[in-house]
Amino acid sequence: MAGPAFTLRVHTADILMVAKALSLCPKGHVLVIDGQGERNTALWGGLTTMAAQRKGLAGVVIDGAIRDAADIRGSKLPVFARAIVPNAGGAEYRGVVGEPVQCGGVVVCPGDWVVGDEDGVVVVPRAKIEQAIATAESILIAEKEIARQIKQGREMGEILRCDEVLEQKAKGTFLPQLRVVSADSVCCES
C-alpha cells in the first residue's frame, strides 16, 4: 500500500465520522484514522472495507481496533490496525477531518505519504518524499549486491566488513553511553 494520507481523528470508540471521512477520502489515498489507540472497540469492519475497496482507496491505517477480520483478509484492501475485537463503536461524536493526527505515536499530516506492507507502516512527510525514494532506491541496489555476493558464497560478515568495524571499535576507549565529566572521572549518561 502506498498513497497520500487523508486524515481523521475520532472520539475514542466512536464511528460517526468514519463513514463521513470514507465518503470524502479521494481515490488512491490512504485513510488514516486516529482512534487514540483504543483496542476494545472497533472503528472499522467488513462493510467499511467493502466501501473503501469499491471507492479505490490505497489502504487504511487505524490507531485503534477493527472487527470482521475474515472479511477484511478476504478483500484486496490493505488495512492496518492495533487490534481485532468483536464489538463495534457508537455513533455520537463529531470528529476532525483533514488535520494532523497521531497514529501509533507518529504525527501524520494530510498529504504525507503512507506506505505499508507485511512489515508494517511508514509515514514519509510530504516534503521528504523525493529524498525517501532516493534513499530507498539506494538501499535496494545495495541489498541486491549483498544478495548476489551471498549467492556466490561470501560470508555476511565479510561482505559487511565486520572484522574491520570491530577492530576500529576495539581501538577506541570511549563508550557511547559514557561521557567525560572531567579529565579524571567518567560517569554514565542518564
N, C-alpha and C. Protein backbone atom coordinates (compact mmCIF):
# COMPACT_ATOMS: atom_id res chain seq x y z
N MET A 1 0.84 -1.17 0.00
CA MET A 1 0.00 0.00 0.00
C MET A 1 0.89 1.23 0.00
N ALA A 2 0.52 2.20 -0.80
CA ALA A 2 1.23 3.48 -0.79
C ALA A 2 0.30 4.54 -1.34
N GLY A 3 0.28 5.68 -0.68
CA GLY A 3 -0.53 6.79 -1.15
C GLY A 3 -0.49 7.93 -0.17
N PRO A 4 -1.02 9.08 -0.60
CA PRO A 4 -1.07 10.23 0.29
C PRO A 4 -2.12 10.03 1.38
N ALA A 5 -1.84 10.58 2.55
CA ALA A 5 -2.73 10.42 3.70
C ALA A 5 -3.93 11.34 3.61
N PHE A 6 -5.08 10.77 3.98
CA PHE A 6 -6.30 11.54 4.22
C PHE A 6 -6.62 11.25 5.68
N THR A 7 -6.65 12.27 6.53
CA THR A 7 -6.65 12.05 7.96
C THR A 7 -8.01 12.27 8.62
N LEU A 8 -8.21 11.51 9.70
CA LEU A 8 -9.41 11.61 10.52
C LEU A 8 -9.03 11.32 11.97
N ARG A 9 -9.53 12.18 12.88
CA ARG A 9 -9.39 11.91 14.31
C ARG A 9 -10.80 11.74 14.86
N VAL A 10 -11.02 10.65 15.57
CA VAL A 10 -12.35 10.38 16.12
C VAL A 10 -12.29 10.36 17.64
N HIS A 11 -13.43 10.55 18.25
CA HIS A 11 -13.57 10.35 19.68
C HIS A 11 -13.36 8.86 19.93
N THR A 12 -12.76 8.51 21.03
CA THR A 12 -12.48 7.11 21.34
C THR A 12 -13.72 6.23 21.12
N ALA A 13 -13.57 5.20 20.34
CA ALA A 13 -14.59 4.18 20.11
C ALA A 13 -15.85 4.71 19.43
N ASP A 14 -15.73 5.77 18.65
CA ASP A 14 -16.90 6.35 18.00
C ASP A 14 -16.71 6.35 16.49
N ILE A 15 -17.69 5.78 15.77
CA ILE A 15 -17.55 5.59 14.33
C ILE A 15 -18.34 6.60 13.49
N LEU A 16 -18.97 7.58 14.12
CA LEU A 16 -19.80 8.53 13.39
C LEU A 16 -19.07 9.14 12.20
N MET A 17 -17.85 9.61 12.41
CA MET A 17 -17.12 10.30 11.34
C MET A 17 -16.38 9.36 10.39
N VAL A 18 -16.30 8.09 10.72
CA VAL A 18 -15.59 7.16 9.85
C VAL A 18 -16.27 7.08 8.49
N ALA A 19 -17.60 6.93 8.47
CA ALA A 19 -18.32 6.87 7.20
C ALA A 19 -18.21 8.19 6.45
N LYS A 20 -18.27 9.31 7.16
CA LYS A 20 -18.14 10.62 6.52
C LYS A 20 -16.76 10.78 5.89
N ALA A 21 -15.72 10.44 6.63
CA ALA A 21 -14.35 10.54 6.10
C ALA A 21 -14.16 9.59 4.93
N LEU A 22 -14.76 8.42 4.99
CA LEU A 22 -14.68 7.46 3.89
C LEU A 22 -15.31 8.06 2.63
N SER A 23 -16.39 8.79 2.79
CA SER A 23 -17.04 9.44 1.65
C SER A 23 -16.17 10.56 1.07
N LEU A 24 -15.44 11.25 1.93
CA LEU A 24 -14.62 12.38 1.49
C LEU A 24 -13.24 11.98 0.98
N CYS A 25 -12.75 10.83 1.39
CA CYS A 25 -11.39 10.40 1.05
C CYS A 25 -11.27 10.14 -0.45
N PRO A 26 -10.33 10.81 -1.12
CA PRO A 26 -10.17 10.61 -2.56
C PRO A 26 -9.59 9.24 -2.92
N LYS A 27 -9.95 8.79 -4.09
CA LYS A 27 -9.41 7.54 -4.66
C LYS A 27 -7.88 7.61 -4.64
N GLY A 28 -7.25 6.47 -4.31
CA GLY A 28 -5.79 6.40 -4.31
C GLY A 28 -5.14 6.88 -3.03
N HIS A 29 -5.91 7.42 -2.10
CA HIS A 29 -5.37 7.89 -0.83
C HIS A 29 -5.44 6.79 0.22
N VAL A 30 -4.68 6.98 1.29
CA VAL A 30 -4.72 6.10 2.46
C VAL A 30 -5.48 6.83 3.55
N LEU A 31 -6.57 6.24 4.01
CA LEU A 31 -7.34 6.82 5.10
C LEU A 31 -6.63 6.47 6.41
N VAL A 32 -6.21 7.51 7.13
CA VAL A 32 -5.50 7.34 8.40
C VAL A 32 -6.43 7.81 9.50
N ILE A 33 -6.80 6.88 10.40
CA ILE A 33 -7.76 7.17 11.45
C ILE A 33 -7.06 7.16 12.81
N ASP A 34 -7.08 8.31 13.46
CA ASP A 34 -6.55 8.42 14.82
C ASP A 34 -7.68 8.05 15.78
N GLY A 35 -7.65 6.81 16.23
CA GLY A 35 -8.63 6.32 17.20
C GLY A 35 -8.08 6.31 18.61
N GLN A 36 -6.99 7.06 18.82
CA GLN A 36 -6.36 7.22 20.13
C GLN A 36 -5.91 5.89 20.73
N GLY A 37 -5.63 4.93 19.87
CA GLY A 37 -5.10 3.64 20.33
C GLY A 37 -6.12 2.73 20.99
N GLU A 38 -7.38 3.07 20.92
CA GLU A 38 -8.43 2.26 21.56
C GLU A 38 -8.43 0.85 21.00
N ARG A 39 -8.28 -0.15 21.87
CA ARG A 39 -8.19 -1.54 21.44
C ARG A 39 -9.42 -2.37 21.78
N ASN A 40 -10.40 -1.78 22.43
CA ASN A 40 -11.56 -2.56 22.88
C ASN A 40 -12.80 -2.41 22.01
N THR A 41 -12.82 -1.42 21.13
CA THR A 41 -13.99 -1.17 20.30
C THR A 41 -13.54 -0.90 18.88
N ALA A 42 -14.13 -1.60 17.92
CA ALA A 42 -13.73 -1.49 16.52
C ALA A 42 -14.22 -0.19 15.88
N LEU A 43 -13.34 0.41 15.10
CA LEU A 43 -13.69 1.59 14.31
C LEU A 43 -13.88 1.24 12.84
N TRP A 44 -13.63 0.00 12.47
CA TRP A 44 -13.63 -0.41 11.07
C TRP A 44 -14.07 -1.87 10.99
N GLY A 45 -14.70 -2.23 9.88
CA GLY A 45 -15.13 -3.61 9.71
C GLY A 45 -15.31 -3.99 8.25
N GLY A 46 -16.06 -5.04 8.02
CA GLY A 46 -16.25 -5.58 6.69
C GLY A 46 -16.95 -4.63 5.73
N LEU A 47 -17.98 -3.94 6.20
CA LEU A 47 -18.73 -3.04 5.32
C LEU A 47 -17.92 -1.82 4.91
N THR A 48 -17.19 -1.25 5.86
CA THR A 48 -16.34 -0.10 5.52
C THR A 48 -15.21 -0.54 4.58
N THR A 49 -14.72 -1.75 4.77
CA THR A 49 -13.69 -2.27 3.86
C THR A 49 -14.25 -2.40 2.45
N MET A 50 -15.46 -2.94 2.35
CA MET A 50 -16.10 -3.09 1.04
C MET A 50 -16.26 -1.73 0.36
N ALA A 51 -16.72 -0.74 1.12
CA ALA A 51 -16.93 0.60 0.56
C ALA A 51 -15.61 1.24 0.14
N ALA A 52 -14.58 1.08 0.96
CA ALA A 52 -13.27 1.67 0.66
C ALA A 52 -12.63 1.02 -0.56
N GLN A 53 -12.78 -0.29 -0.67
CA GLN A 53 -12.22 -1.00 -1.82
C GLN A 53 -12.96 -0.59 -3.09
N ARG A 54 -14.27 -0.51 -3.02
CA ARG A 54 -15.08 -0.11 -4.18
C ARG A 54 -14.71 1.29 -4.64
N LYS A 55 -14.38 2.15 -3.69
CA LYS A 55 -14.03 3.54 -3.99
C LYS A 55 -12.61 3.67 -4.55
N GLY A 56 -11.77 2.67 -4.29
CA GLY A 56 -10.41 2.71 -4.81
C GLY A 56 -9.39 3.31 -3.87
N LEU A 57 -9.64 3.23 -2.56
CA LEU A 57 -8.63 3.71 -1.62
C LEU A 57 -7.39 2.82 -1.71
N ALA A 58 -6.23 3.41 -1.43
CA ALA A 58 -4.99 2.65 -1.45
C ALA A 58 -4.87 1.77 -0.21
N GLY A 59 -5.50 2.18 0.89
CA GLY A 59 -5.45 1.41 2.13
C GLY A 59 -6.00 2.21 3.28
N VAL A 60 -5.97 1.58 4.46
CA VAL A 60 -6.48 2.18 5.68
C VAL A 60 -5.52 1.86 6.81
N VAL A 61 -5.22 2.87 7.63
CA VAL A 61 -4.38 2.68 8.81
C VAL A 61 -5.17 3.24 9.99
N ILE A 62 -5.33 2.42 11.03
CA ILE A 62 -6.17 2.80 12.16
C ILE A 62 -5.39 2.66 13.46
N ASP A 63 -5.29 3.76 14.19
CA ASP A 63 -4.72 3.69 15.53
C ASP A 63 -5.87 3.32 16.45
N GLY A 64 -6.28 2.07 16.33
CA GLY A 64 -7.43 1.54 17.04
C GLY A 64 -7.70 0.14 16.55
N ALA A 65 -8.90 -0.34 16.81
CA ALA A 65 -9.25 -1.74 16.51
C ALA A 65 -10.17 -1.87 15.31
N ILE A 66 -10.22 -3.10 14.78
CA ILE A 66 -11.12 -3.47 13.70
C ILE A 66 -11.93 -4.69 14.13
N ARG A 67 -12.96 -5.00 13.36
CA ARG A 67 -13.70 -6.26 13.52
C ARG A 67 -13.93 -6.82 12.13
N ASP A 68 -14.59 -7.97 12.02
CA ASP A 68 -14.84 -8.63 10.74
C ASP A 68 -13.53 -8.96 10.03
N ALA A 69 -12.61 -9.51 10.78
CA ALA A 69 -11.26 -9.79 10.26
C ALA A 69 -11.28 -10.70 9.03
N ALA A 70 -12.15 -11.69 9.01
CA ALA A 70 -12.20 -12.59 7.85
C ALA A 70 -12.60 -11.84 6.59
N ASP A 71 -13.57 -10.95 6.71
CA ASP A 71 -13.98 -10.15 5.55
C ASP A 71 -12.85 -9.25 5.07
N ILE A 72 -12.15 -8.65 6.01
CA ILE A 72 -11.05 -7.75 5.66
C ILE A 72 -9.91 -8.53 5.01
N ARG A 73 -9.56 -9.69 5.58
CA ARG A 73 -8.50 -10.52 4.99
C ARG A 73 -8.88 -10.99 3.59
N GLY A 74 -10.17 -11.25 3.37
CA GLY A 74 -10.64 -11.71 2.07
C GLY A 74 -10.70 -10.62 1.01
N SER A 75 -10.56 -9.39 1.42
CA SER A 75 -10.58 -8.28 0.46
C SER A 75 -9.16 -8.02 -0.03
N LYS A 76 -9.07 -7.16 -1.00
CA LYS A 76 -7.74 -6.78 -1.51
C LYS A 76 -7.27 -5.47 -0.91
N LEU A 77 -8.07 -4.90 -0.01
CA LEU A 77 -7.72 -3.61 0.59
C LEU A 77 -6.79 -3.82 1.78
N PRO A 78 -5.60 -3.19 1.76
CA PRO A 78 -4.72 -3.28 2.92
C PRO A 78 -5.32 -2.48 4.09
N VAL A 79 -5.47 -3.15 5.23
CA VAL A 79 -5.98 -2.50 6.43
C VAL A 79 -5.02 -2.83 7.57
N PHE A 80 -4.51 -1.79 8.21
CA PHE A 80 -3.59 -1.95 9.34
C PHE A 80 -4.26 -1.39 10.58
N ALA A 81 -4.22 -2.13 11.70
CA ALA A 81 -4.84 -1.69 12.94
C ALA A 81 -4.09 -2.26 14.12
N ARG A 82 -4.40 -1.77 15.31
CA ARG A 82 -3.75 -2.23 16.54
C ARG A 82 -4.31 -3.54 17.06
N ALA A 83 -5.61 -3.79 16.82
CA ALA A 83 -6.24 -4.96 17.43
C ALA A 83 -7.46 -5.39 16.63
N ILE A 84 -7.91 -6.62 16.90
CA ILE A 84 -9.14 -7.16 16.32
C ILE A 84 -10.05 -7.49 17.49
N VAL A 85 -11.26 -6.95 17.46
CA VAL A 85 -12.24 -7.18 18.54
C VAL A 85 -13.62 -7.40 17.92
N PRO A 86 -14.55 -7.99 18.67
CA PRO A 86 -15.88 -8.25 18.10
C PRO A 86 -16.86 -7.09 18.19
N ASN A 87 -16.64 -6.14 19.09
CA ASN A 87 -17.65 -5.11 19.32
C ASN A 87 -17.41 -3.83 18.51
N ALA A 88 -18.51 -3.27 18.00
CA ALA A 88 -18.47 -2.06 17.19
C ALA A 88 -18.61 -0.82 18.07
N GLY A 89 -18.18 0.31 17.52
CA GLY A 89 -18.26 1.57 18.25
C GLY A 89 -19.62 2.23 18.15
N GLY A 90 -19.79 3.28 18.94
CA GLY A 90 -21.01 4.07 18.91
C GLY A 90 -20.94 5.12 17.82
N ALA A 91 -21.98 5.93 17.72
CA ALA A 91 -22.04 6.99 16.71
C ALA A 91 -22.62 8.24 17.36
N GLU A 92 -21.79 8.93 18.13
CA GLU A 92 -22.26 10.06 18.93
C GLU A 92 -21.53 11.37 18.67
N TYR A 93 -20.23 11.29 18.41
CA TYR A 93 -19.41 12.50 18.48
C TYR A 93 -18.82 12.89 17.12
N ARG A 94 -18.68 14.19 16.97
CA ARG A 94 -18.08 14.74 15.76
C ARG A 94 -16.56 14.56 15.83
N GLY A 95 -15.97 14.14 14.75
CA GLY A 95 -14.53 14.01 14.67
C GLY A 95 -13.94 15.15 13.87
N VAL A 96 -12.66 15.05 13.55
CA VAL A 96 -11.96 16.09 12.81
C VAL A 96 -11.34 15.46 11.56
N VAL A 97 -11.65 16.03 10.40
CA VAL A 97 -11.15 15.53 9.12
C VAL A 97 -10.13 16.52 8.55
N GLY A 98 -9.06 15.97 7.97
CA GLY A 98 -8.12 16.79 7.22
C GLY A 98 -7.16 17.63 8.03
N GLU A 99 -6.90 17.24 9.27
CA GLU A 99 -5.92 17.93 10.10
C GLU A 99 -4.86 16.94 10.54
N PRO A 100 -3.71 17.42 11.02
CA PRO A 100 -2.71 16.48 11.51
C PRO A 100 -3.29 15.59 12.62
N VAL A 101 -2.94 14.31 12.56
CA VAL A 101 -3.38 13.35 13.56
C VAL A 101 -2.16 12.60 14.07
N GLN A 102 -2.38 11.79 15.09
CA GLN A 102 -1.32 10.93 15.60
C GLN A 102 -1.76 9.49 15.40
N CYS A 103 -0.86 8.69 14.88
CA CYS A 103 -1.18 7.29 14.62
C CYS A 103 0.03 6.46 15.02
N GLY A 104 -0.15 5.64 16.04
CA GLY A 104 0.97 4.83 16.52
C GLY A 104 2.12 5.68 17.04
N GLY A 105 1.81 6.86 17.56
CA GLY A 105 2.84 7.74 18.09
C GLY A 105 3.52 8.60 17.05
N VAL A 106 3.07 8.52 15.80
CA VAL A 106 3.66 9.29 14.71
C VAL A 106 2.66 10.34 14.25
N VAL A 107 3.11 11.57 14.05
CA VAL A 107 2.24 12.61 13.52
C VAL A 107 2.10 12.38 12.02
N VAL A 108 0.84 12.38 11.55
CA VAL A 108 0.55 12.21 10.14
C VAL A 108 -0.24 13.44 9.69
N CYS A 109 0.30 14.13 8.70
CA CYS A 109 -0.37 15.30 8.14
C CYS A 109 -1.04 14.92 6.82
N PRO A 110 -2.14 15.59 6.50
CA PRO A 110 -2.77 15.32 5.20
C PRO A 110 -1.74 15.51 4.09
N GLY A 111 -1.68 14.55 3.18
CA GLY A 111 -0.74 14.62 2.07
C GLY A 111 0.59 13.94 2.32
N ASP A 112 0.92 13.62 3.58
CA ASP A 112 2.12 12.82 3.83
C ASP A 112 1.92 11.47 3.14
N TRP A 113 2.99 10.82 2.76
CA TRP A 113 2.87 9.52 2.11
C TRP A 113 2.89 8.42 3.16
N VAL A 114 1.95 7.50 3.02
CA VAL A 114 1.84 6.36 3.92
C VAL A 114 2.11 5.11 3.10
N VAL A 115 3.08 4.34 3.55
CA VAL A 115 3.50 3.13 2.84
C VAL A 115 3.42 1.98 3.83
N GLY A 116 2.80 0.87 3.41
CA GLY A 116 2.68 -0.26 4.31
C GLY A 116 2.77 -1.58 3.57
N ASP A 117 3.31 -2.58 4.26
CA ASP A 117 3.35 -3.95 3.75
C ASP A 117 3.35 -4.90 4.94
N GLU A 118 3.73 -6.13 4.72
CA GLU A 118 3.71 -7.13 5.79
C GLU A 118 4.60 -6.75 6.97
N ASP A 119 5.57 -5.88 6.75
CA ASP A 119 6.49 -5.49 7.81
C ASP A 119 5.98 -4.33 8.66
N GLY A 120 4.95 -3.64 8.20
CA GLY A 120 4.42 -2.51 8.96
C GLY A 120 4.13 -1.31 8.10
N VAL A 121 4.00 -0.16 8.74
CA VAL A 121 3.60 1.08 8.08
C VAL A 121 4.66 2.15 8.36
N VAL A 122 4.96 2.93 7.32
CA VAL A 122 5.90 4.04 7.43
C VAL A 122 5.20 5.30 6.91
N VAL A 123 5.42 6.41 7.59
CA VAL A 123 4.89 7.69 7.15
C VAL A 123 6.06 8.56 6.71
N VAL A 124 5.96 9.07 5.49
CA VAL A 124 7.00 9.95 4.95
C VAL A 124 6.40 11.34 4.80
N PRO A 125 6.93 12.33 5.52
CA PRO A 125 6.41 13.69 5.36
C PRO A 125 6.45 14.12 3.88
N ARG A 126 5.42 14.80 3.48
CA ARG A 126 5.28 15.22 2.08
C ARG A 126 6.54 15.90 1.55
N ALA A 127 7.18 16.74 2.36
CA ALA A 127 8.36 17.48 1.93
C ALA A 127 9.59 16.59 1.74
N LYS A 128 9.55 15.36 2.27
CA LYS A 128 10.73 14.49 2.21
C LYS A 128 10.52 13.28 1.30
N ILE A 129 9.47 13.26 0.50
CA ILE A 129 9.17 12.07 -0.30
C ILE A 129 10.27 11.79 -1.33
N GLU A 130 10.76 12.81 -2.01
CA GLU A 130 11.81 12.57 -3.02
C GLU A 130 13.08 12.03 -2.38
N GLN A 131 13.45 12.58 -1.23
CA GLN A 131 14.63 12.09 -0.51
C GLN A 131 14.42 10.64 -0.07
N ALA A 132 13.23 10.32 0.41
CA ALA A 132 12.93 8.96 0.87
C ALA A 132 13.00 7.97 -0.29
N ILE A 133 12.48 8.36 -1.43
CA ILE A 133 12.53 7.48 -2.61
C ILE A 133 13.98 7.23 -3.03
N ALA A 134 14.78 8.29 -3.06
CA ALA A 134 16.19 8.14 -3.44
C ALA A 134 16.92 7.23 -2.46
N THR A 135 16.66 7.39 -1.17
CA THR A 135 17.29 6.55 -0.15
C THR A 135 16.86 5.09 -0.32
N ALA A 136 15.55 4.88 -0.52
CA ALA A 136 15.04 3.51 -0.70
C ALA A 136 15.66 2.85 -1.93
N GLU A 137 15.80 3.60 -3.02
CA GLU A 137 16.42 3.04 -4.23
C GLU A 137 17.86 2.66 -3.97
N SER A 138 18.60 3.48 -3.22
CA SER A 138 20.00 3.17 -2.88
C SER A 138 20.08 1.90 -2.04
N ILE A 139 19.16 1.77 -1.09
CA ILE A 139 19.15 0.58 -0.23
C ILE A 139 18.85 -0.66 -1.06
N LEU A 140 17.89 -0.58 -1.98
CA LEU A 140 17.58 -1.72 -2.84
C LEU A 140 18.78 -2.15 -3.68
N ILE A 141 19.50 -1.19 -4.22
CA ILE A 141 20.69 -1.50 -5.02
C ILE A 141 21.73 -2.21 -4.15
N ALA A 142 21.96 -1.68 -2.94
CA ALA A 142 22.95 -2.28 -2.03
C ALA A 142 22.51 -3.69 -1.62
N GLU A 143 21.22 -3.88 -1.31
CA GLU A 143 20.75 -5.20 -0.90
C GLU A 143 20.82 -6.21 -2.03
N LYS A 144 20.58 -5.78 -3.26
CA LYS A 144 20.72 -6.69 -4.41
C LYS A 144 22.17 -7.14 -4.56
N GLU A 145 23.09 -6.22 -4.33
CA GLU A 145 24.51 -6.56 -4.43
C GLU A 145 24.90 -7.53 -3.31
N ILE A 146 24.43 -7.27 -2.10
CA ILE A 146 24.72 -8.17 -0.98
C ILE A 146 24.15 -9.56 -1.27
N ALA A 147 22.91 -9.62 -1.76
CA ALA A 147 22.29 -10.91 -2.10
C ALA A 147 23.10 -11.64 -3.17
N ARG A 148 23.59 -10.90 -4.17
CA ARG A 148 24.40 -11.51 -5.23
C ARG A 148 25.66 -12.13 -4.64
N GLN A 149 26.30 -11.40 -3.72
CA GLN A 149 27.53 -11.91 -3.11
C GLN A 149 27.26 -13.12 -2.21
N ILE A 150 26.14 -13.12 -1.50
CA ILE A 150 25.79 -14.27 -0.66
C ILE A 150 25.59 -15.49 -1.55
N LYS A 151 24.91 -15.32 -2.68
CA LYS A 151 24.68 -16.43 -3.61
C LYS A 151 25.98 -16.97 -4.17
N GLN A 152 27.01 -16.12 -4.24
CA GLN A 152 28.32 -16.55 -4.73
C GLN A 152 29.14 -17.21 -3.62
N GLY A 153 28.58 -17.28 -2.40
CA GLY A 153 29.26 -17.99 -1.33
C GLY A 153 30.00 -17.13 -0.33
N ARG A 154 29.96 -15.83 -0.46
CA ARG A 154 30.64 -14.97 0.52
C ARG A 154 29.88 -14.96 1.84
N GLU A 155 30.61 -14.83 2.91
CA GLU A 155 30.03 -14.75 4.24
C GLU A 155 29.51 -13.33 4.50
N MET A 156 28.42 -13.25 5.25
CA MET A 156 27.81 -11.96 5.55
C MET A 156 28.78 -11.04 6.29
N GLY A 157 29.51 -11.59 7.25
CA GLY A 157 30.49 -10.79 7.99
C GLY A 157 31.57 -10.21 7.10
N GLU A 158 31.97 -10.96 6.08
CA GLU A 158 32.97 -10.48 5.13
C GLU A 158 32.39 -9.36 4.27
N ILE A 159 31.17 -9.56 3.78
CA ILE A 159 30.53 -8.56 2.92
C ILE A 159 30.37 -7.23 3.66
N LEU A 160 29.95 -7.31 4.92
CA LEU A 160 29.70 -6.10 5.70
C LEU A 160 30.96 -5.60 6.44
N ARG A 161 32.09 -6.26 6.21
CA ARG A 161 33.38 -5.87 6.78
C ARG A 161 33.30 -5.76 8.31
N CYS A 162 32.69 -6.75 8.93
CA CYS A 162 32.51 -6.74 10.39
C CYS A 162 33.84 -6.72 11.13
N ASP A 163 34.84 -7.49 10.67
CA ASP A 163 36.13 -7.52 11.36
C ASP A 163 36.77 -6.14 11.37
N GLU A 164 36.69 -5.44 10.24
CA GLU A 164 37.25 -4.10 10.14
C GLU A 164 36.55 -3.14 11.12
N VAL A 165 35.25 -3.21 11.19
CA VAL A 165 34.50 -2.33 12.09
C VAL A 165 34.80 -2.68 13.54
N LEU A 166 34.85 -3.97 13.87
CA LEU A 166 35.16 -4.38 15.24
C LEU A 166 36.57 -3.96 15.65
N GLU A 167 37.51 -4.05 14.71
CA GLU A 167 38.87 -3.63 15.00
C GLU A 167 38.94 -2.14 15.31
N GLN A 168 38.22 -1.34 14.53
CA GLN A 168 38.18 0.10 14.79
C GLN A 168 37.57 0.39 16.15
N LYS A 169 36.53 -0.33 16.50
CA LYS A 169 35.88 -0.12 17.79
C LYS A 169 36.78 -0.55 18.94
N ALA A 170 37.57 -1.59 18.75
CA ALA A 170 38.47 -2.07 19.80
C ALA A 170 39.57 -1.05 20.10
N LYS A 171 39.94 -0.27 19.09
CA LYS A 171 40.98 0.74 19.28
C LYS A 171 40.51 1.91 20.11
N GLY A 172 39.23 2.17 20.09
CA GLY A 172 38.68 3.30 20.83
C GLY A 172 38.46 2.93 22.27
N THR A 173 38.62 3.90 23.17
CA THR A 173 38.39 3.65 24.58
C THR A 173 37.09 4.30 25.05
N PHE A 174 36.48 5.09 24.21
CA PHE A 174 35.27 5.80 24.58
C PHE A 174 34.04 4.96 24.26
N LEU A 175 33.18 4.77 25.24
CA LEU A 175 31.92 4.07 25.04
C LEU A 175 30.82 5.11 24.85
N PRO A 176 29.93 4.93 23.87
CA PRO A 176 28.91 5.95 23.60
C PRO A 176 28.00 6.24 24.78
N GLN A 177 27.80 5.28 25.68
CA GLN A 177 26.90 5.51 26.80
C GLN A 177 27.58 6.25 27.96
N LEU A 178 28.88 6.52 27.81
CA LEU A 178 29.62 7.23 28.84
C LEU A 178 30.03 8.60 28.32
N ARG A 179 30.16 9.56 29.24
CA ARG A 179 30.65 10.87 28.86
C ARG A 179 31.68 11.33 29.88
N VAL A 180 32.62 12.09 29.43
CA VAL A 180 33.67 12.58 30.31
C VAL A 180 33.17 13.82 31.03
N VAL A 181 33.25 13.82 32.37
CA VAL A 181 32.83 14.96 33.17
C VAL A 181 34.04 15.83 33.45
N SER A 182 35.13 15.19 33.80
CA SER A 182 36.40 15.90 33.97
C SER A 182 37.49 14.98 33.44
N ALA A 183 38.68 15.46 33.40
CA ALA A 183 39.77 14.64 32.87
C ALA A 183 40.00 13.40 33.72
N ASP A 184 39.62 13.43 34.99
CA ASP A 184 39.89 12.32 35.91
C ASP A 184 38.69 11.39 36.15
N SER A 185 37.47 11.78 35.70
CA SER A 185 36.32 10.94 36.02
C SER A 185 35.41 10.75 34.81
N VAL A 186 34.69 9.65 34.87
CA VAL A 186 33.74 9.32 33.81
C VAL A 186 32.43 8.92 34.51
N CYS A 187 31.29 9.34 33.96
CA CYS A 187 30.02 8.89 34.55
C CYS A 187 29.07 8.44 33.46
N CYS A 188 28.11 7.69 33.85
CA CYS A 188 27.11 7.19 32.89
C CYS A 188 26.11 8.25 32.56
N GLU A 189 25.64 8.25 31.29
CA GLU A 189 24.54 9.13 30.87
C GLU A 189 23.27 8.65 31.53
N SER A 190 22.41 9.55 31.89
CA SER A 190 21.12 9.13 32.43
C SER A 190 20.01 9.46 31.49
